[in-house]
Amino acid sequence: MNVVIAGGHGQIALRLSTLLTGQGHTVRSIVRNPDHTDDVAATGASPVVADLEKISATDLAGHLTGADAVVFAAGAGPDSGVERKETVDRDGAVLLADAAATAGIRRYVLISSTGVDADPDPERGEVWAAYIRAKKAAEEAVRADSRLDATILRPGRLTNDPGTGRVVLAPPPVEYGDVTRDDSAAAVAALLAAPGTAGTTLELRGGDTELGDAVAALG
């Protein structure tokens, strides 16, 4: 496959590009900061410098030419405010959808977040609430876009523990829990290779089922 990852310097994205290039796939990773290109190149991916908050869908589509699939792995980050949750986590996902459609690409994997089906916990503050609302809105927009064959993945609380390759991967609701970033990246790679999962929204946790078996069970 030829895959483009938006948000290519994120912790899951760097793991994903390493996995995909190691499997022989071609990867382009979009980053906003030129200082991050060396980290991306070290994974075997080709860095593309573009700011999702400034680029048009038409110009972004030019960076997607020849791709078979796109992955939205971007996020404004934990230190950003309410506004950037909307401009990156929500609007960036929609922008990538529009650009993919313009470039004739249907396959889209959106890395979202668990918890978006519930009202945000007010005790976690307005930035957290904005994050949950932005992720929910991005899901709804991508899910409703008939131009896409989209899979939405909702990892649980992310950890940096070594991956186990054993997960819970199922439609919601799924009990809250942890999942490693290694296993999250592996799940995205597996879903990209499983077009039959298009149209599904899936929760991901650490579990007892081997990842390949979990994906195969989805049909």
C-alpha atoms as a PDB file:
ATOM      1  CA  MET A   1       0.000   0.000   0.000  1.00  0.00           C
ATOM      2  CA  ASN A   2       0.843   3.640  -0.345  1.00  0.00           C
ATOM      3  CA  VAL A   3      -0.293   5.355   2.869  1.00  0.00           C
ATOM      4  CA  VAL A   4      -0.318   8.989   3.978  1.00  0.00           C
ATOM      5  CA  ILE A   5      -0.397   9.743   7.701  1.00  0.00           C
ATOM      6  CA  ALA A   6      -1.591  13.157   8.878  1.00  0.00           C
ATOM      7  CA  GLY A   7      -0.001  14.051  12.191  1.00  0.00           C
ATOM      8  CA  GLY A   8       3.096  12.052  11.366  1.00  0.00           C
ATOM      9  CA  HIS A   9       5.166  13.054  14.390  1.00  0.00           C
ATOM     10  CA  GLY A  10       2.662  11.763  16.939  1.00  0.00           C
ATOM     11  CA  GLN A  11       3.638   8.847  19.143  1.00  0.00           C
ATOM     12  CA  ILE A  12       1.248   6.404  17.462  1.00  0.00           C
ATOM     13  CA  ALA A  13       2.053   7.775  14.013  1.00  0.00           C
ATOM     14  CA  LEU A  14       5.805   7.247  14.360  1.00  0.00           C
ATOM     15  CA  ARG A  15       5.220   3.676  15.479  1.00  0.00           C
ATOM     16  CA  LEU A  16       2.758   3.155  12.620  1.00  0.00           C
ATOM     17  CA  SER A  17       5.093   4.438   9.929  1.00  0.00           C
ATOM     18  CA  THR A  18       7.867   2.194  11.279  1.00  0.00           C
ATOM     19  CA  LEU A  19       5.545  -0.817  11.112  1.00  0.00           C
ATOM     20  CA  LEU A  20       4.237  -0.048   7.635  1.00  0.00           C
ATOM     21  CA  THR A  21       7.597   0.667   6.049  1.00  0.00           C
ATOM     22  CA  GLY A  22       8.955  -2.483   7.704  1.00  0.00           C
ATOM     23  CA  GLN A  23       6.181  -4.409   5.953  1.00  0.00           C
ATOM     24  CA  GLY A  24       7.230  -2.972   2.599  1.00  0.00           C
ATOM     25  CA  HIS A  25       4.590  -0.278   2.282  1.00  0.00           C
ATOM     26  CA  THR A  26       5.263   3.277   1.111  1.00  0.00           C
ATOM     27  CA  VAL A  27       4.503   5.939   3.702  1.00  0.00           C
ATOM     28  CA  ARG A  28       4.328   9.715   3.571  1.00  0.00           C
ATOM     29  CA  SER A  29       3.934  11.473   6.916  1.00  0.00           C
ATOM     30  CA  ILE A  30       2.582  14.996   7.144  1.00  0.00           C
ATOM     31  CA  VAL A  31       4.113  17.185   9.851  1.00  0.00           C
ATOM     32  CA  ARG A  32       3.646  20.853  10.676  1.00  0.00           C
ATOM     33  CA  ASN A  33       7.094  21.467  12.144  1.00  0.00           C
ATOM     34  CA  PRO A  34      10.109  21.161   9.801  1.00  0.00           C
ATOM     35  CA  ASP A  35      12.223  20.218  12.835  1.00  0.00           C
ATOM     36  CA  HIS A  36      10.327  16.913  12.979  1.00  0.00           C
ATOM     37  CA  THR A  37      11.285  15.692   9.517  1.00  0.00           C
ATOM     38  CA  ASP A  38      14.392  13.809  10.685  1.00  0.00           C
ATOM     39  CA  ASP A  39      12.340  11.805  13.202  1.00  0.00           C
ATOM     40  CA  VAL A  40       9.866  10.896  10.473  1.00  0.00           C
ATOM     41  CA  ALA A  41      12.569   9.963   7.984  1.00  0.00           C
ATOM     42  CA  ALA A  42      14.160   7.677  10.588  1.00  0.00           C
ATOM     43  CA  THR A  43      11.025   5.491  10.453  1.00  0.00           C
ATOM     44  CA  GLY A  44      11.451   4.970   6.725  1.00  0.00           C
ATOM     45  CA  ALA A  45       8.629   7.349   5.833  1.00  0.00           C
ATOM     46  CA  SER A  46       8.935  10.381   3.579  1.00  0.00           C
ATOM     47  CA  PRO A  47       8.201  13.595   5.508  1.00  0.00           C
ATOM     48  CA  VAL A  48       5.834  16.176   4.057  1.00  0.00           C
ATOM     49  CA  VAL A  49       5.731  19.606   5.700  1.00  0.00           C
ATOM     50  CA  ALA A  50       2.196  21.024   5.691  1.00  0.00           C
ATOM     51  CA  ASP A  51       0.118  22.807   8.313  1.00  0.00           C
ATOM     52  CA  LEU A  52      -3.389  21.343   8.576  1.00  0.00           C
ATOM     53  CA  GLU A  53      -4.603  24.573  10.140  1.00  0.00           C
ATOM     54  CA  LYS A  54      -3.517  26.630   7.130  1.00  0.00           C
ATOM     55  CA  ILE A  55      -3.486  24.458   3.998  1.00  0.00           C
ATOM     56  CA  SER A  56      -6.504  24.136   1.707  1.00  0.00           C
ATOM     57  CA  ALA A  57      -8.105  20.811   0.874  1.00  0.00           C
ATOM     58  CA  THR A  58      -7.024  21.218  -2.746  1.00  0.00           C
ATOM     59  CA  ASP A  59      -3.392  21.804  -1.833  1.00  0.00           C
ATOM     60  CA  LEU A  60      -3.440  18.977   0.687  1.00  0.00           C
ATOM     61  CA  ALA A  61      -4.863  16.677  -1.991  1.00  0.00           C
ATOM     62  CA  GLY A  62      -1.697  17.318  -3.986  1.00  0.00           C
ATOM     63  CA  HIS A  63       0.309  15.695  -1.193  1.00  0.00           C
ATOM     64  CA  LEU A  64      -1.958  12.628  -1.309  1.00  0.00           C
ATOM     65  CA  THR A  65      -1.548  11.834  -4.996  1.00  0.00           C
ATOM     66  CA  GLY A  66      -1.033   8.126  -5.587  1.00  0.00           C
ATOM     67  CA  ALA A  67      -2.015   7.053  -2.084  1.00  0.00           C
ATOM     68  CA  ASP A  68      -4.248   4.056  -1.429  1.00  0.00           C
ATOM     69  CA  ALA A  69      -5.249   5.155   2.069  1.00  0.00           C
ATOM     70  CA  VAL A  70      -4.951   7.970   4.576  1.00  0.00           C
ATOM     71  CA  VAL A  71      -4.713   7.909   8.361  1.00  0.00           C
ATOM     72  CA  PHE A  72      -5.681  10.796  10.593  1.00  0.00           C
ATOM     73  CA  ALA A  73      -3.371  10.638  13.613  1.00  0.00           C
ATOM     74  CA  ALA A  74      -3.102  14.368  14.277  1.00  0.00           C
ATOM     75  CA  GLY A  75      -3.945  16.119  17.509  1.00  0.00           C
ATOM     76  CA  ALA A  76      -3.440  19.538  18.999  1.00  0.00           C
ATOM     77  CA  GLY A  77      -1.644  18.076  22.008  1.00  0.00           C
ATOM     78  CA  PRO A  78      -2.303  18.192  25.750  1.00  0.00           C
ATOM     79  CA  ASP A  79      -0.995  21.724  26.187  1.00  0.00           C
ATOM     80  CA  SER A  80      -3.232  23.328  23.551  1.00  0.00           C
ATOM     81  CA  GLY A  81      -6.374  25.292  24.282  1.00  0.00           C
ATOM     82  CA  VAL A  82     -10.008  24.914  23.343  1.00  0.00           C
ATOM     83  CA  GLU A  83      -9.681  26.581  19.944  1.00  0.00           C
ATOM     84  CA  ARG A  84      -7.003  24.229  18.660  1.00  0.00           C
ATOM     85  CA  LYS A  85      -9.015  21.173  19.656  1.00  0.00           C
ATOM     86  CA  GLU A  86     -11.505  22.417  17.084  1.00  0.00           C
ATOM     87  CA  THR A  87      -9.044  23.512  14.399  1.00  0.00           C
ATOM     88  CA  VAL A  88      -6.870  20.390  14.585  1.00  0.00           C
ATOM     89  CA  ASP A  89      -8.781  17.471  16.108  1.00  0.00           C
ATOM     90  CA  ARG A  90     -12.066  18.291  14.377  1.00  0.00           C
ATOM     91  CA  ASP A  91     -11.340  20.478  11.367  1.00  0.00           C
ATOM     92  CA  GLY A  92      -8.124  18.662  10.479  1.00  0.00           C
ATOM     93  CA  ALA A  93      -9.961  15.354  10.229  1.00  0.00           C
ATOM     94  CA  VAL A  94     -12.603  16.904   7.980  1.00  0.00           C
ATOM     95  CA  LEU A  95      -9.939  18.605   5.872  1.00  0.00           C
ATOM     96  CA  LEU A  96      -8.184  15.280   5.321  1.00  0.00           C
ATOM     97  CA  ALA A  97     -11.496  13.727   4.290  1.00  0.00           C
ATOM     98  CA  ASP A  98     -12.089  16.469   1.730  1.00  0.00           C
ATOM     99  CA  ALA A  99      -8.533  16.222   0.428  1.00  0.00           C
ATOM    100  CA  ALA A 100      -8.740  12.431   0.166  1.00  0.00           C
ATOM    101  CA  ALA A 101     -11.973  12.673  -1.803  1.00  0.00           C
ATOM    102  CA  THR A 102     -10.413  15.267  -4.094  1.00  0.00           C
ATOM    103  CA  ALA A 103      -7.469  12.927  -4.685  1.00  0.00           C
ATOM    104  CA  GLY A 104      -9.787   9.968  -5.359  1.00  0.00           C
ATOM    105  CA  ILE A 105      -8.852   8.078  -2.169  1.00  0.00           C
ATOM    106  CA  ARG A 106     -11.630   6.253  -0.338  1.00  0.00           C
ATOM    107  CA  ARG A 107      -9.833   4.353   2.440  1.00  0.00           C
ATOM    108  CA  TYR A 108      -9.598   6.430   5.621  1.00  0.00           C
ATOM    109  CA  VAL A 109      -8.677   5.370   9.148  1.00  0.00           C
ATOM    110  CA  LEU A 110      -9.471   7.901  11.858  1.00  0.00           C
ATOM    111  CA  ILE A 111      -7.732   7.553  15.216  1.00  0.00           C
ATOM    112  CA  SER A 112     -10.271   8.939  17.666  1.00  0.00           C
ATOM    113  CA  SER A 113     -10.666   8.506  21.421  1.00  0.00           C
ATOM    114  CA  THR A 114     -12.691   6.392  23.756  1.00  0.00           C
ATOM    115  CA  GLY A 115     -15.338   8.219  25.774  1.00  0.00           C
ATOM    116  CA  VAL A 116     -16.788  10.329  22.988  1.00  0.00           C
ATOM    117  CA  ASP A 117     -20.263   8.823  23.335  1.00  0.00           C
ATOM    118  CA  ALA A 118     -20.646  10.208  26.868  1.00  0.00           C
ATOM    119  CA  ASP A 119     -20.927  13.798  28.035  1.00  0.00           C
ATOM    120  CA  PRO A 120     -17.470  15.104  29.024  1.00  0.00           C
ATOM    121  CA  ASP A 121     -16.702  15.006  32.743  1.00  0.00           C
ATOM    122  CA  PRO A 122     -16.939  18.672  33.833  1.00  0.00           C
ATOM    123  CA  GLU A 123     -14.376  18.060  36.559  1.00  0.00           C
ATOM    124  CA  ARG A 124     -11.718  17.508  33.879  1.00  0.00           C
ATOM    125  CA  GLY A 125     -12.087  21.073  32.625  1.00  0.00           C
ATOM    126  CA  GLU A 126     -13.091  22.909  29.491  1.00  0.00           C
ATOM    127  CA  VAL A 127     -10.101  21.811  27.400  1.00  0.00           C
ATOM    128  CA  TRP A 128     -10.917  18.143  27.969  1.00  0.00           C
ATOM    129  CA  ALA A 129     -14.561  18.810  27.135  1.00  0.00           C
ATOM    130  CA  ALA A 130     -13.499  20.573  23.934  1.00  0.00           C
ATOM    131  CA  TYR A 131     -11.289  17.615  23.025  1.00  0.00           C
ATOM    132  CA  ILE A 132     -14.124  15.118  23.458  1.00  0.00           C
ATOM    133  CA  ARG A 133     -16.539  17.300  21.496  1.00  0.00           C
ATOM    134  CA  ALA A 134     -13.988  17.755  18.698  1.00  0.00           C
ATOM    135  CA  LYS A 135     -13.311  14.027  18.429  1.00  0.00           C
ATOM    136  CA  LYS A 136     -17.036  13.289  18.399  1.00  0.00           C
ATOM    137  CA  ALA A 137     -17.664  15.872  15.675  1.00  0.00           C
ATOM    138  CA  ALA A 138     -14.777  14.503  13.599  1.00  0.00           C
ATOM    139  CA  GLU A 139     -16.202  10.993  13.886  1.00  0.00           C
ATOM    140  CA  GLU A 140     -19.649  12.129  12.845  1.00  0.00           C
ATOM    141  CA  ALA A 141     -18.329  14.015   9.819  1.00  0.00           C
ATOM    142  CA  VAL A 142     -16.123  11.176   8.616  1.00  0.00           C
ATOM    143  CA  ARG A 143     -18.780   8.534   9.271  1.00  0.00           C
ATOM    144  CA  ALA A 144     -21.351  10.500   7.267  1.00  0.00           C
ATOM    145  CA  ASP A 145     -19.060  11.136   4.292  1.00  0.00           C
ATOM    146  CA  SER A 146     -20.227   8.794   1.522  1.00  0.00           C
ATOM    147  CA  ARG A 147     -17.039   9.465  -0.422  1.00  0.00           C
ATOM    148  CA  LEU A 148     -15.017   7.472   2.112  1.00  0.00           C
ATOM    149  CA  ASP A 149     -14.561   3.873   3.205  1.00  0.00           C
ATOM    150  CA  ALA A 150     -13.735   4.822   6.762  1.00  0.00           C
ATOM    151  CA  THR A 151     -12.823   2.899   9.891  1.00  0.00           C
ATOM    152  CA  ILE A 152     -12.868   4.755  13.200  1.00  0.00           C
ATOM    153  CA  LEU A 153     -10.586   3.460  15.949  1.00  0.00           C
ATOM    154  CA  ARG A 154     -11.025   4.506  19.584  1.00  0.00           C
ATOM    155  CA  PRO A 155      -8.035   3.490  21.716  1.00  0.00           C
ATOM    156  CA  GLY A 156      -8.419   3.461  25.483  1.00  0.00           C
ATOM    157  CA  ARG A 157      -6.009   5.205  27.844  1.00  0.00           C
ATOM    158  CA  LEU A 158      -2.670   5.095  26.051  1.00  0.00           C
ATOM    159  CA  THR A 159       0.491   3.802  27.688  1.00  0.00           C
ATOM    160  CA  ASN A 160       4.106   3.464  26.606  1.00  0.00           C
ATOM    161  CA  ASP A 161       4.414  -0.106  27.851  1.00  0.00           C
ATOM    162  CA  PRO A 162       5.703  -2.615  25.278  1.00  0.00           C
ATOM    163  CA  GLY A 163       2.987  -3.957  23.021  1.00  0.00           C
ATOM    164  CA  THR A 164       1.659  -7.421  23.659  1.00  0.00           C
ATOM    165  CA  GLY A 165      -0.125  -8.046  20.365  1.00  0.00           C
ATOM    166  CA  ARG A 166      -3.209  -9.105  22.344  1.00  0.00           C
ATOM    167  CA  VAL A 167      -6.235  -6.840  22.414  1.00  0.00           C
ATOM    168  CA  VAL A 168      -9.936  -6.259  22.738  1.00  0.00           C
ATOM    169  CA  LEU A 169     -11.143  -4.842  19.410  1.00  0.00           C
ATOM    170  CA  ALA A 170     -14.904  -4.498  19.155  1.00  0.00           C
ATOM    171  CA  PRO A 171     -17.735  -2.069  18.462  1.00  0.00           C
ATOM    172  CA  PRO A 172     -18.809   0.051  21.444  1.00  0.00           C
ATOM    173  CA  PRO A 173     -19.619  -0.196  24.221  1.00  0.00           C
ATOM    174  CA  VAL A 174     -16.410  -1.673  25.634  1.00  0.00           C
ATOM    175  CA  GLU A 175     -15.295  -1.350  29.242  1.00  0.00           C
ATOM    176  CA  TYR A 176     -12.795   1.447  29.847  1.00  0.00           C
ATOM    177  CA  GLY A 177      -9.186   0.352  30.043  1.00  0.00           C
ATOM    178  CA  ASP A 178      -5.614   0.802  28.863  1.00  0.00           C
ATOM    179  CA  VAL A 179      -3.919  -0.040  25.605  1.00  0.00           C
ATOM    180  CA  THR A 180      -0.324   0.463  24.563  1.00  0.00           C
ATOM    181  CA  ARG A 181       0.699   2.831  21.812  1.00  0.00           C
ATOM    182  CA  ASP A 182       2.554  -0.085  20.210  1.00  0.00           C
ATOM    183  CA  ASP A 183      -0.643  -2.122  19.983  1.00  0.00           C
ATOM    184  CA  SER A 184      -2.620   0.904  18.815  1.00  0.00           C
ATOM    185  CA  ALA A 185      -0.239   1.422  15.905  1.00  0.00           C
ATOM    186  CA  ALA A 186      -0.357  -2.287  15.096  1.00  0.00           C
ATOM    187  CA  ALA A 187      -4.152  -2.164  15.111  1.00  0.00           C
ATOM    188  CA  VAL A 188      -4.187   0.711  12.619  1.00  0.00           C
ATOM    189  CA  ALA A 189      -1.808  -1.183  10.332  1.00  0.00           C
ATOM    190  CA  ALA A 190      -3.999  -4.285  10.545  1.00  0.00           C
ATOM    191  CA  LEU A 191      -7.160  -2.306   9.848  1.00  0.00           C
ATOM    192  CA  LEU A 192      -5.615  -0.689   6.784  1.00  0.00           C
ATOM    193  CA  ALA A 193      -5.112  -4.196   5.433  1.00  0.00           C
ATOM    194  CA  ALA A 194      -8.713  -5.148   6.256  1.00  0.00           C
ATOM    195  CA  PRO A 195     -11.006  -3.144   3.946  1.00  0.00           C
ATOM    196  CA  GLY A 196     -13.969  -5.151   5.214  1.00  0.00           C
ATOM    197  CA  THR A 197     -13.820  -3.082   8.400  1.00  0.00           C
ATOM    198  CA  ALA A 198     -14.894   0.042   6.500  1.00  0.00           C
ATOM    199  CA  GLY A 199     -17.992   1.555   8.028  1.00  0.00           C
ATOM    200  CA  THR A 200     -17.177   0.364  11.539  1.00  0.00           C
ATOM    201  CA  THR A 201     -16.383   2.189  14.762  1.00  0.00           C
ATOM    202  CA  LEU A 202     -14.144   0.115  17.015  1.00  0.00           C
ATOM    203  CA  GLU A 203     -12.930   0.385  20.596  1.00  0.00           C
ATOM    204  CA  LEU A 204      -9.412  -0.861  21.339  1.00  0.00           C
ATOM    205  CA  ARG A 205      -8.064  -2.103  24.682  1.00  0.00           C
ATOM    206  CA  GLY A 206      -5.380  -4.417  25.881  1.00  0.00           C
ATOM    207  CA  GLY A 207      -6.825  -7.920  26.067  1.00  0.00           C
ATOM    208  CA  ASP A 208      -6.414 -11.625  25.472  1.00  0.00           C
ATOM    209  CA  THR A 209      -7.126 -11.997  21.745  1.00  0.00           C
ATOM    210  CA  GLU A 210      -4.298 -11.980  19.244  1.00  0.00           C
ATOM    211  CA  LEU A 211      -4.636  -8.860  17.088  1.00  0.00           C
ATOM    212  CA  GLY A 212      -4.906 -10.715  13.779  1.00  0.00           C
ATOM    213  CA  ASP A 213      -7.644 -12.927  15.165  1.00  0.00           C
ATOM    214  CA  ALA A 214      -9.473  -9.883  16.535  1.00  0.00           C
ATOM    215  CA  VAL A 215      -9.447  -8.188  13.130  1.00  0.00           C
ATOM    216  CA  ALA A 216     -10.459 -11.378  11.332  1.00  0.00           C
ATOM    217  CA  ALA A 217     -13.410 -11.789  13.705  1.00  0.00           C
ATOM    218  CA  LEU A 218     -14.792  -8.477  12.499  1.00  0.00           C
ATOM    219  CA  GLY A 219     -15.367  -9.990   9.077  1.00  0.00           C
END
